């Protein structure tokens, strides 16, 4: 049993596949990855990206196999940079496990260290991952959305291209009775994914917004208005006959998850909390990058 919720995991690149013109999946493999937990939905992991991709294994050996704290990992020096990504997939193998990470591809002029690394990624290169530990007895943290216990709430999910891997997992893990709206921005129509989701969740795509709040807010203008003509899902009941839905009403009858450029997240928050009166306890807003600043 581990006494820490996260740890360092050594891995190597096993496969590189472009899912769309602007979304590249890199799959890592390693014996130790079998101990990396996969709590689901928007679980965050961190990649320690070496500036010299081909010399990464030596750089990782130089830093050692332990880190005193997350703060120490943020001050690794010029040779290694820590960046946050969604755990897109975890799969056990006969010799360990595989972990997949999806990288949004950017113009080289604004690309950060992780994006530049992904552009040259190839089989056999070393990577060090900071992730949740499977044997930790407790909440490992690192995620904002939880599908368990979802009841009659009207969902709103807003994601830009970088957050597409997170919203993809959220939609795929929603219970069948879930209902709501997902607004997703991506660069081109060719970057859309065929997303697995419940029938009651609508997906709307925006192309080329590039961090501008306007197109997203336009899609949300009518969100949250009650339409009595909309069929409501039948109650899901357990073995004892009790409903498994949460009992929600009023402001808590809606739930929002937003991961986007900082000004987009800010303006969506103002709309749903300020104008539509949503309870702050039912929202998760992540403005994790800013226009004009390289982050990934």
C-alpha atoms as a PDB file:
ATOM      1  CA  UNK A   1       0.000   0.000   0.000  1.00  0.00           C
ATOM      2  CA  UNK A   2       1.418   3.376  -1.039  1.00  0.00           C
ATOM      3  CA  UNK A   3       1.511   6.261   1.445  1.00  0.00           C
ATOM      4  CA  UNK A   4       1.546   8.886  -1.342  1.00  0.00           C
ATOM      5  CA  UNK A   5      -1.225   9.555  -3.915  1.00  0.00           C
ATOM      6  CA  UNK A   6       1.154  10.075  -6.854  1.00  0.00           C
ATOM      7  CA  UNK A   7       4.521   8.850  -8.044  1.00  0.00           C
ATOM      8  CA  UNK A   8       7.070   8.959 -10.875  1.00  0.00           C
ATOM      9  CA  UNK A   9       6.733   6.358 -13.633  1.00  0.00           C
ATOM     10  CA  UNK A  10       9.323   5.613 -16.297  1.00  0.00           C
ATOM     11  CA  UNK A  11       8.059   4.721 -19.758  1.00  0.00           C
ATOM     12  CA  UNK A  12       9.053   4.626 -23.400  1.00  0.00           C
ATOM     13  CA  UNK A  13       7.150   5.595 -26.536  1.00  0.00           C
ATOM     14  CA  UNK A  14       5.393   2.558 -28.027  1.00  0.00           C
ATOM     15  CA  UNK A  15       3.285   4.151 -30.765  1.00  0.00           C
ATOM     16  CA  UNK A  16       2.538   7.514 -32.403  1.00  0.00           C
ATOM     17  CA  UNK A  17      -0.744   7.960 -34.308  1.00  0.00           C
ATOM     18  CA  UNK A  18      -2.471  11.082 -35.664  1.00  0.00           C
ATOM     19  CA  UNK A  19      -6.163  10.738 -34.715  1.00  0.00           C
ATOM     20  CA  UNK A  20      -7.020  13.892 -36.679  1.00  0.00           C
ATOM     21  CA  UNK A  21      -4.873  16.449 -38.559  1.00  0.00           C
ATOM     22  CA  UNK A  22      -4.389  18.378 -35.316  1.00  0.00           C
ATOM     23  CA  UNK A  23      -4.578  15.721 -32.613  1.00  0.00           C
ATOM     24  CA  UNK A  24      -1.675  13.333 -32.134  1.00  0.00           C
ATOM     25  CA  UNK A  25      -1.866  10.318 -29.794  1.00  0.00           C
ATOM     26  CA  UNK A  26       1.349   9.062 -28.202  1.00  0.00           C
ATOM     27  CA  UNK A  27       1.149   5.725 -26.383  1.00  0.00           C
ATOM     28  CA  UNK A  28       3.733   4.936 -23.717  1.00  0.00           C
ATOM     29  CA  UNK A  29       4.578   1.516 -22.315  1.00  0.00           C
ATOM     30  CA  UNK A  30       6.446   0.367 -19.239  1.00  0.00           C
ATOM     31  CA  UNK A  31       6.478  -2.285 -16.558  1.00  0.00           C
ATOM     32  CA  UNK A  32       5.901   0.221 -13.784  1.00  0.00           C
ATOM     33  CA  UNK A  33       2.839   1.712 -15.487  1.00  0.00           C
ATOM     34  CA  UNK A  34       0.758  -1.180 -14.164  1.00  0.00           C
ATOM     35  CA  UNK A  35       0.832   0.685 -10.824  1.00  0.00           C
ATOM     36  CA  UNK A  36      -0.485   3.918 -12.347  1.00  0.00           C
ATOM     37  CA  UNK A  37      -4.139   4.400 -11.414  1.00  0.00           C
ATOM     38  CA  UNK A  38      -6.833   5.366 -13.899  1.00  0.00           C
ATOM     39  CA  UNK A  39      -9.727   6.955 -11.947  1.00  0.00           C
ATOM     40  CA  UNK A  40     -11.416   7.954 -15.214  1.00  0.00           C
ATOM     41  CA  UNK A  41     -13.094  11.064 -16.688  1.00  0.00           C
ATOM     42  CA  UNK A  42     -10.702  14.067 -16.760  1.00  0.00           C
ATOM     43  CA  UNK A  43      -7.845  12.558 -14.729  1.00  0.00           C
ATOM     44  CA  UNK A  44      -4.729  14.695 -15.020  1.00  0.00           C
ATOM     45  CA  UNK A  45      -1.185  13.398 -15.250  1.00  0.00           C
ATOM     46  CA  UNK A  46       2.055  15.291 -15.707  1.00  0.00           C
ATOM     47  CA  UNK A  47       4.762  14.675 -18.272  1.00  0.00           C
ATOM     48  CA  UNK A  48       8.377  15.545 -17.523  1.00  0.00           C
ATOM     49  CA  UNK A  49       9.406  16.630 -21.000  1.00  0.00           C
ATOM     50  CA  UNK A  50      13.134  16.581 -21.773  1.00  0.00           C
ATOM     51  CA  UNK A  51      14.439  19.261 -24.123  1.00  0.00           C
ATOM     52  CA  UNK A  52      16.720  16.621 -25.650  1.00  0.00           C
ATOM     53  CA  UNK A  53      14.221  13.877 -26.486  1.00  0.00           C
ATOM     54  CA  UNK A  54      16.866  11.377 -27.542  1.00  0.00           C
ATOM     55  CA  UNK A  55      18.879  12.002 -24.380  1.00  0.00           C
ATOM     56  CA  UNK A  56      15.861  11.914 -22.064  1.00  0.00           C
ATOM     57  CA  UNK A  57      16.755   8.618 -20.361  1.00  0.00           C
ATOM     58  CA  UNK A  58      20.081  10.048 -19.198  1.00  0.00           C
ATOM     59  CA  UNK A  59      18.400  13.252 -18.001  1.00  0.00           C
ATOM     60  CA  UNK A  60      15.898  11.248 -15.950  1.00  0.00           C
ATOM     61  CA  UNK A  61      18.654   9.155 -14.391  1.00  0.00           C
ATOM     62  CA  UNK A  62      20.428  12.364 -13.391  1.00  0.00           C
ATOM     63  CA  UNK A  63      17.349  13.668 -11.554  1.00  0.00           C
ATOM     64  CA  UNK A  64      16.898  10.404  -9.634  1.00  0.00           C
ATOM     65  CA  UNK A  65      13.835   8.279  -9.106  1.00  0.00           C
ATOM     66  CA  UNK A  66      12.171  10.301  -6.334  1.00  0.00           C
ATOM     67  CA  UNK A  67      10.919  13.853  -5.915  1.00  0.00           C
ATOM     68  CA  UNK A  68      10.449  15.500  -2.543  1.00  0.00           C
ATOM     69  CA  UNK A  69       7.332  17.408  -3.598  1.00  0.00           C
ATOM     70  CA  UNK A  70       5.378  18.711  -6.549  1.00  0.00           C
ATOM     71  CA  UNK A  71       7.124  22.038  -6.000  1.00  0.00           C
ATOM     72  CA  UNK A  72      10.476  20.338  -6.560  1.00  0.00           C
ATOM     73  CA  UNK A  73       9.215  18.942  -9.863  1.00  0.00           C
ATOM     74  CA  UNK A  74       8.390  22.455 -11.023  1.00  0.00           C
ATOM     75  CA  UNK A  75      11.996  23.573 -10.591  1.00  0.00           C
ATOM     76  CA  UNK A  76      13.821  20.914 -12.559  1.00  0.00           C
ATOM     77  CA  UNK A  77      15.890  23.380 -14.567  1.00  0.00           C
ATOM     78  CA  UNK A  78      16.184  24.042 -18.279  1.00  0.00           C
ATOM     79  CA  UNK A  79      16.623  20.422 -19.325  1.00  0.00           C
ATOM     80  CA  UNK A  80      13.214  19.108 -18.174  1.00  0.00           C
ATOM     81  CA  UNK A  81       9.826  20.840 -18.181  1.00  0.00           C
ATOM     82  CA  UNK A  82       6.659  19.603 -16.459  1.00  0.00           C
ATOM     83  CA  UNK A  83       3.365  19.868 -18.357  1.00  0.00           C
ATOM     84  CA  UNK A  84      -0.155  18.673 -17.503  1.00  0.00           C
ATOM     85  CA  UNK A  85      -2.177  16.363 -19.760  1.00  0.00           C
ATOM     86  CA  UNK A  86      -5.269  14.151 -19.596  1.00  0.00           C
ATOM     87  CA  UNK A  87      -4.867  10.416 -19.162  1.00  0.00           C
ATOM     88  CA  UNK A  88      -6.598   9.436 -22.403  1.00  0.00           C
ATOM     89  CA  UNK A  89      -6.334   5.658 -21.958  1.00  0.00           C
ATOM     90  CA  UNK A  90      -4.754   2.985 -19.736  1.00  0.00           C
ATOM     91  CA  UNK A  91      -4.381  -0.647 -20.781  1.00  0.00           C
ATOM     92  CA  UNK A  92      -2.722  -3.522 -18.975  1.00  0.00           C
ATOM     93  CA  UNK A  93      -0.279  -5.642 -20.980  1.00  0.00           C
ATOM     94  CA  UNK A  94       1.521  -8.933 -20.236  1.00  0.00           C
ATOM     95  CA  UNK A  95       4.671  -6.979 -19.352  1.00  0.00           C
ATOM     96  CA  UNK A  96       3.183  -3.930 -17.646  1.00  0.00           C
ATOM     97  CA  UNK A  97       0.767  -1.358 -19.027  1.00  0.00           C
ATOM     98  CA  UNK A  98       0.248   1.199 -21.765  1.00  0.00           C
ATOM     99  CA  UNK A  99      -0.762   4.821 -21.236  1.00  0.00           C
ATOM    100  CA  UNK A 100      -2.034   7.073 -24.039  1.00  0.00           C
ATOM    101  CA  UNK A 101      -1.862  10.860 -24.162  1.00  0.00           C
ATOM    102  CA  UNK A 102      -3.412  13.064 -26.859  1.00  0.00           C
ATOM    103  CA  UNK A 103      -1.464  16.179 -27.881  1.00  0.00           C
ATOM    104  CA  UNK A 104      -3.164  19.106 -29.620  1.00  0.00           C
ATOM    105  CA  UNK A 105      -0.905  20.199 -32.449  1.00  0.00           C
ATOM    106  CA  UNK A 106      -0.100  23.929 -32.727  1.00  0.00           C
ATOM    107  CA  UNK A 107       1.626  26.354 -35.033  1.00  0.00           C
ATOM    108  CA  UNK A 108       5.386  26.036 -34.311  1.00  0.00           C
ATOM    109  CA  UNK A 109       5.482  29.777 -33.625  1.00  0.00           C
ATOM    110  CA  UNK A 110       3.355  29.337 -30.485  1.00  0.00           C
ATOM    111  CA  UNK A 111       4.084  25.709 -29.595  1.00  0.00           C
ATOM    112  CA  UNK A 112       5.385  24.962 -26.113  1.00  0.00           C
ATOM    113  CA  UNK A 113       7.907  22.284 -25.079  1.00  0.00           C
ATOM    114  CA  UNK A 114       5.420  19.397 -24.897  1.00  0.00           C
ATOM    115  CA  UNK A 115       3.891  20.189 -28.282  1.00  0.00           C
ATOM    116  CA  UNK A 116       7.362  20.402 -29.839  1.00  0.00           C
ATOM    117  CA  UNK A 117       8.264  17.081 -28.211  1.00  0.00           C
ATOM    118  CA  UNK A 118       5.138  15.408 -29.617  1.00  0.00           C
ATOM    119  CA  UNK A 119       5.949  16.598 -33.133  1.00  0.00           C
ATOM    120  CA  UNK A 120       9.186  14.601 -33.114  1.00  0.00           C
ATOM    121  CA  UNK A 121       8.044  11.694 -30.907  1.00  0.00           C
ATOM    122  CA  UNK A 122       9.043   8.240 -32.087  1.00  0.00           C
ATOM    123  CA  UNK A 123       9.152   4.722 -30.759  1.00  0.00           C
ATOM    124  CA  UNK A 124      11.716   3.965 -28.070  1.00  0.00           C
ATOM    125  CA  UNK A 125      12.137   7.485 -26.666  1.00  0.00           C
ATOM    126  CA  UNK A 126      12.028   7.778 -22.882  1.00  0.00           C
ATOM    127  CA  UNK A 127       9.361   9.681 -20.943  1.00  0.00           C
ATOM    128  CA  UNK A 128       8.820  10.167 -17.226  1.00  0.00           C
ATOM    129  CA  UNK A 129       5.237  10.502 -16.018  1.00  0.00           C
ATOM    130  CA  UNK A 130       3.851  11.802 -12.728  1.00  0.00           C
ATOM    131  CA  UNK A 131       0.562  10.067 -12.039  1.00  0.00           C
ATOM    132  CA  UNK A 132      -1.818   8.658  -9.416  1.00  0.00           C
ATOM    133  CA  UNK A 133      -0.800   5.478  -7.603  1.00  0.00           C
ATOM    134  CA  UNK A 134      -3.104   2.472  -7.838  1.00  0.00           C
ATOM    135  CA  UNK A 135      -2.212   1.178  -4.376  1.00  0.00           C
ATOM    136  CA  UNK A 136      -2.976   4.460  -2.591  1.00  0.00           C
ATOM    137  CA  UNK A 137      -5.908   4.013  -0.214  1.00  0.00           C
ATOM    138  CA  UNK A 138      -7.709   7.303  -0.653  1.00  0.00           C
ATOM    139  CA  UNK A 139      -8.672  10.011  -3.112  1.00  0.00           C
ATOM    140  CA  UNK A 140      -5.742  10.662  -5.466  1.00  0.00           C
ATOM    141  CA  UNK A 141      -7.110  13.957  -6.777  1.00  0.00           C
ATOM    142  CA  UNK A 142      -6.296  15.365 -10.186  1.00  0.00           C
ATOM    143  CA  UNK A 143      -9.794  15.428 -11.688  1.00  0.00           C
ATOM    144  CA  UNK A 144     -12.812  17.716 -11.519  1.00  0.00           C
ATOM    145  CA  UNK A 145     -15.684  15.733 -13.047  1.00  0.00           C
ATOM    146  CA  UNK A 146     -17.244  12.655 -11.496  1.00  0.00           C
ATOM    147  CA  UNK A 147     -19.936  10.732 -13.321  1.00  0.00           C
ATOM    148  CA  UNK A 148     -20.813   8.578 -10.308  1.00  0.00           C
ATOM    149  CA  UNK A 149     -24.085   9.653  -8.708  1.00  0.00           C
ATOM    150  CA  UNK A 150     -25.156  11.770 -11.663  1.00  0.00           C
ATOM    151  CA  UNK A 151     -28.886  12.334 -11.444  1.00  0.00           C
ATOM    152  CA  UNK A 152     -31.359  14.597 -13.212  1.00  0.00           C
ATOM    153  CA  UNK A 153     -28.968  17.535 -13.567  1.00  0.00           C
ATOM    154  CA  UNK A 154     -28.745  19.297 -16.902  1.00  0.00           C
ATOM    155  CA  UNK A 155     -25.070  19.071 -17.894  1.00  0.00           C
ATOM    156  CA  UNK A 156     -23.039  21.707 -19.673  1.00  0.00           C
ATOM    157  CA  UNK A 157     -19.569  20.761 -20.896  1.00  0.00           C
ATOM    158  CA  UNK A 158     -17.366  23.333 -22.657  1.00  0.00           C
ATOM    159  CA  UNK A 159     -13.985  22.345 -24.053  1.00  0.00           C
ATOM    160  CA  UNK A 160     -11.480  23.681 -26.523  1.00  0.00           C
ATOM    161  CA  UNK A 161      -9.244  21.557 -28.724  1.00  0.00           C
ATOM    162  CA  UNK A 162      -6.631  20.968 -25.995  1.00  0.00           C
ATOM    163  CA  UNK A 163      -9.344  19.738 -23.622  1.00  0.00           C
ATOM    164  CA  UNK A 164     -10.967  17.458 -26.206  1.00  0.00           C
ATOM    165  CA  UNK A 165      -9.305  14.321 -24.726  1.00  0.00           C
ATOM    166  CA  UNK A 166     -10.821  15.150 -21.329  1.00  0.00           C
ATOM    167  CA  UNK A 167     -14.345  15.812 -22.591  1.00  0.00           C
ATOM    168  CA  UNK A 168     -14.136  12.674 -24.743  1.00  0.00           C
ATOM    169  CA  UNK A 169     -13.594  10.531 -21.645  1.00  0.00           C
ATOM    170  CA  UNK A 170     -16.262  12.366 -19.663  1.00  0.00           C
ATOM    171  CA  UNK A 171     -18.873  11.788 -22.359  1.00  0.00           C
ATOM    172  CA  UNK A 172     -17.924   8.122 -22.772  1.00  0.00           C
ATOM    173  CA  UNK A 173     -18.257   7.461 -19.029  1.00  0.00           C
ATOM    174  CA  UNK A 174     -21.583   9.228 -18.463  1.00  0.00           C
ATOM    175  CA  UNK A 175     -24.455   7.002 -17.378  1.00  0.00           C
ATOM    176  CA  UNK A 176     -27.102   6.278 -20.048  1.00  0.00           C
ATOM    177  CA  UNK A 177     -29.661   8.596 -18.438  1.00  0.00           C
ATOM    178  CA  UNK A 178     -27.389  11.683 -18.582  1.00  0.00           C
ATOM    179  CA  UNK A 179     -28.614  14.680 -20.540  1.00  0.00           C
ATOM    180  CA  UNK A 180     -27.159  18.022 -21.478  1.00  0.00           C
ATOM    181  CA  UNK A 181     -24.980  19.909 -23.941  1.00  0.00           C
ATOM    182  CA  UNK A 182     -21.302  19.726 -24.896  1.00  0.00           C
ATOM    183  CA  UNK A 183     -19.792  22.648 -26.811  1.00  0.00           C
ATOM    184  CA  UNK A 184     -16.383  21.793 -28.267  1.00  0.00           C
ATOM    185  CA  UNK A 185     -13.994  23.998 -30.224  1.00  0.00           C
ATOM    186  CA  UNK A 186     -11.514  22.523 -32.705  1.00  0.00           C
ATOM    187  CA  UNK A 187      -9.451  24.025 -35.551  1.00  0.00           C
ATOM    188  CA  UNK A 188     -11.223  22.426 -38.550  1.00  0.00           C
ATOM    189  CA  UNK A 189     -14.167  20.119 -39.331  1.00  0.00           C
ATOM    190  CA  UNK A 190     -11.623  17.370 -39.966  1.00  0.00           C
ATOM    191  CA  UNK A 191     -10.636  17.547 -36.276  1.00  0.00           C
ATOM    192  CA  UNK A 192     -14.023  16.384 -35.041  1.00  0.00           C
ATOM    193  CA  UNK A 193     -14.160  13.019 -33.312  1.00  0.00           C
ATOM    194  CA  UNK A 194     -17.003  10.536 -33.323  1.00  0.00           C
ATOM    195  CA  UNK A 195     -17.718  10.800 -29.611  1.00  0.00           C
ATOM    196  CA  UNK A 196     -19.399   8.019 -27.671  1.00  0.00           C
ATOM    197  CA  UNK A 197     -22.101   9.595 -25.495  1.00  0.00           C
ATOM    198  CA  UNK A 198     -25.620   9.083 -24.102  1.00  0.00           C
ATOM    199  CA  UNK A 199     -28.507   9.877 -26.449  1.00  0.00           C
ATOM    200  CA  UNK A 200     -29.592  12.729 -24.200  1.00  0.00           C
ATOM    201  CA  UNK A 201     -26.349  14.705 -24.581  1.00  0.00           C
ATOM    202  CA  UNK A 202     -26.066  16.985 -27.609  1.00  0.00           C
ATOM    203  CA  UNK A 203     -22.659  17.886 -29.040  1.00  0.00           C
ATOM    204  CA  UNK A 204     -22.090  21.163 -30.882  1.00  0.00           C
ATOM    205  CA  UNK A 205     -18.794  21.865 -32.653  1.00  0.00           C
ATOM    206  CA  UNK A 206     -17.179  25.275 -33.157  1.00  0.00           C
ATOM    207  CA  UNK A 207     -14.323  25.635 -35.631  1.00  0.00           C
ATOM    208  CA  UNK A 208     -11.419  28.058 -35.462  1.00  0.00           C
ATOM    209  CA  UNK A 209     -12.579  30.178 -32.515  1.00  0.00           C
ATOM    210  CA  UNK A 210      -8.978  30.229 -31.296  1.00  0.00           C
ATOM    211  CA  UNK A 211      -9.703  31.223 -27.705  1.00  0.00           C
ATOM    212  CA  UNK A 212     -12.346  33.880 -28.505  1.00  0.00           C
ATOM    213  CA  UNK A 213     -15.325  33.749 -26.110  1.00  0.00           C
ATOM    214  CA  UNK A 214     -17.944  35.038 -28.574  1.00  0.00           C
ATOM    215  CA  UNK A 215     -18.709  31.839 -30.536  1.00  0.00           C
ATOM    216  CA  UNK A 216     -18.932  29.783 -27.343  1.00  0.00           C
ATOM    217  CA  UNK A 217     -21.246  32.257 -25.599  1.00  0.00           C
ATOM    218  CA  UNK A 218     -23.502  32.335 -28.664  1.00  0.00           C
ATOM    219  CA  UNK A 219     -24.029  28.580 -28.338  1.00  0.00           C
ATOM    220  CA  UNK A 220     -24.948  28.971 -24.661  1.00  0.00           C
ATOM    221  CA  UNK A 221     -27.496  31.732 -25.024  1.00  0.00           C
ATOM    222  CA  UNK A 222     -30.491  29.437 -24.583  1.00  0.00           C
ATOM    223  CA  UNK A 223     -28.837  26.895 -22.304  1.00  0.00           C
ATOM    224  CA  UNK A 224     -30.564  26.298 -18.984  1.00  0.00           C
ATOM    225  CA  UNK A 225     -34.020  27.386 -20.084  1.00  0.00           C
ATOM    226  CA  UNK A 226     -36.649  24.884 -19.011  1.00  0.00           C
ATOM    227  CA  UNK A 227     -38.644  23.313 -21.827  1.00  0.00           C
ATOM    228  CA  UNK A 228     -41.580  21.374 -20.400  1.00  0.00           C
ATOM    229  CA  UNK A 229     -42.072  19.621 -23.725  1.00  0.00           C
ATOM    230  CA  UNK A 230     -38.676  17.918 -23.477  1.00  0.00           C
ATOM    231  CA  UNK A 231     -39.122  14.245 -22.483  1.00  0.00           C
ATOM    232  CA  UNK A 232     -37.507  13.478 -19.131  1.00  0.00           C
ATOM    233  CA  UNK A 233     -35.597  10.230 -18.591  1.00  0.00           C
ATOM    234  CA  UNK A 234     -37.221   7.482 -16.590  1.00  0.00           C
ATOM    235  CA  UNK A 235     -35.907   7.064 -13.079  1.00  0.00           C
ATOM    236  CA  UNK A 236     -33.147   4.526 -12.633  1.00  0.00           C
ATOM    237  CA  UNK A 237     -33.907   2.262  -9.678  1.00  0.00           C
ATOM    238  CA  UNK A 238     -31.741  -0.009  -7.606  1.00  0.00           C
ATOM    239  CA  UNK A 239     -32.552  -3.483  -6.318  1.00  0.00           C
ATOM    240  CA  UNK A 240     -34.420  -2.010  -3.376  1.00  0.00           C
ATOM    241  CA  UNK A 241     -36.603   0.119  -5.640  1.00  0.00           C
ATOM    242  CA  UNK A 242     -35.067   3.448  -4.592  1.00  0.00           C
ATOM    243  CA  UNK A 243     -34.107   5.955  -7.261  1.00  0.00           C
ATOM    244  CA  UNK A 244     -30.384   6.192  -7.923  1.00  0.00           C
ATOM    245  CA  UNK A 245     -30.696   9.794  -9.071  1.00  0.00           C
ATOM    246  CA  UNK A 246     -29.445  12.576  -6.859  1.00  0.00           C
ATOM    247  CA  UNK A 247     -32.298  14.691  -5.587  1.00  0.00           C
ATOM    248  CA  UNK A 248     -31.643  18.122  -7.063  1.00  0.00           C
ATOM    249  CA  UNK A 249     -33.768  21.179  -7.554  1.00  0.00           C
ATOM    250  CA  UNK A 250     -33.487  24.899  -8.176  1.00  0.00           C
ATOM    251  CA  UNK A 251     -29.960  26.130  -8.780  1.00  0.00           C
ATOM    252  CA  UNK A 252     -28.462  22.694  -8.184  1.00  0.00           C
ATOM    253  CA  UNK A 253     -30.413  21.134 -11.057  1.00  0.00           C
ATOM    254  CA  UNK A 254     -27.549  21.954 -13.439  1.00  0.00           C
ATOM    255  CA  UNK A 255     -23.876  21.082 -13.488  1.00  0.00           C
ATOM    256  CA  UNK A 256     -21.105  22.754 -15.520  1.00  0.00           C
ATOM    257  CA  UNK A 257     -17.575  21.709 -16.481  1.00  0.00           C
ATOM    258  CA  UNK A 258     -15.420  24.102 -18.513  1.00  0.00           C
ATOM    259  CA  UNK A 259     -11.828  23.656 -19.712  1.00  0.00           C
ATOM    260  CA  UNK A 260     -10.697  26.311 -22.147  1.00  0.00           C
ATOM    261  CA  UNK A 261      -8.634  29.441 -22.710  1.00  0.00           C
ATOM    262  CA  UNK A 262      -8.670  31.704 -19.647  1.00  0.00           C
ATOM    263  CA  UNK A 263     -10.912  34.433 -21.075  1.00  0.00           C
ATOM    264  CA  UNK A 264     -13.374  31.856 -22.427  1.00  0.00           C
ATOM    265  CA  UNK A 265     -13.604  30.112 -19.047  1.00  0.00           C
ATOM    266  CA  UNK A 266     -14.010  33.485 -17.320  1.00  0.00           C
ATOM    267  CA  UNK A 267     -16.825  34.653 -19.604  1.00  0.00           C
ATOM    268  CA  UNK A 268     -18.657  31.319 -19.448  1.00  0.00           C
ATOM    269  CA  UNK A 269     -18.446  31.483 -15.663  1.00  0.00           C
ATOM    270  CA  UNK A 270     -19.911  34.996 -15.670  1.00  0.00           C
ATOM    271  CA  UNK A 271     -22.740  33.807 -17.897  1.00  0.00           C
ATOM    272  CA  UNK A 272     -23.794  30.679 -16.024  1.00  0.00           C
ATOM    273  CA  UNK A 273     -23.199  31.955 -12.492  1.00  0.00           C
ATOM    274  CA  UNK A 274     -23.912  35.663 -12.897  1.00  0.00           C
ATOM    275  CA  UNK A 275     -26.666  35.711 -15.509  1.00  0.00           C
ATOM    276  CA  UNK A 276     -28.206  32.239 -15.261  1.00  0.00           C
ATOM    277  CA  UNK A 277     -27.887  31.975 -11.476  1.00  0.00           C
ATOM    278  CA  UNK A 278     -26.095  28.649 -11.258  1.00  0.00           C
ATOM    279  CA  UNK A 279     -24.897  27.575  -7.821  1.00  0.00           C
ATOM    280  CA  UNK A 280     -21.087  27.851  -7.638  1.00  0.00           C
ATOM    281  CA  UNK A 281     -20.939  24.443  -5.949  1.00  0.00           C
ATOM    282  CA  UNK A 282     -22.088  22.851  -9.207  1.00  0.00           C
ATOM    283  CA  UNK A 283     -19.379  24.271 -11.466  1.00  0.00           C
ATOM    284  CA  UNK A 284     -15.781  23.477 -12.386  1.00  0.00           C
ATOM    285  CA  UNK A 285     -13.938  26.098 -14.435  1.00  0.00           C
ATOM    286  CA  UNK A 286     -10.400  25.619 -15.710  1.00  0.00           C
ATOM    287  CA  UNK A 287      -8.810  28.430 -17.717  1.00  0.00           C
ATOM    288  CA  UNK A 288      -5.549  26.619 -18.289  1.00  0.00           C
ATOM    289  CA  UNK A 289      -3.934  28.695 -21.062  1.00  0.00           C
ATOM    290  CA  UNK A 290      -3.905  32.273 -22.343  1.00  0.00           C
ATOM    291  CA  UNK A 291      -3.975  33.562 -25.896  1.00  0.00           C
ATOM    292  CA  UNK A 292      -0.491  34.539 -27.064  1.00  0.00           C
ATOM    293  CA  UNK A 293       1.335  32.581 -24.375  1.00  0.00           C
ATOM    294  CA  UNK A 294       2.910  29.163 -25.035  1.00  0.00           C
ATOM    295  CA  UNK A 295       1.722  26.697 -22.407  1.00  0.00           C
ATOM    296  CA  UNK A 296       1.858  23.122 -23.704  1.00  0.00           C
END
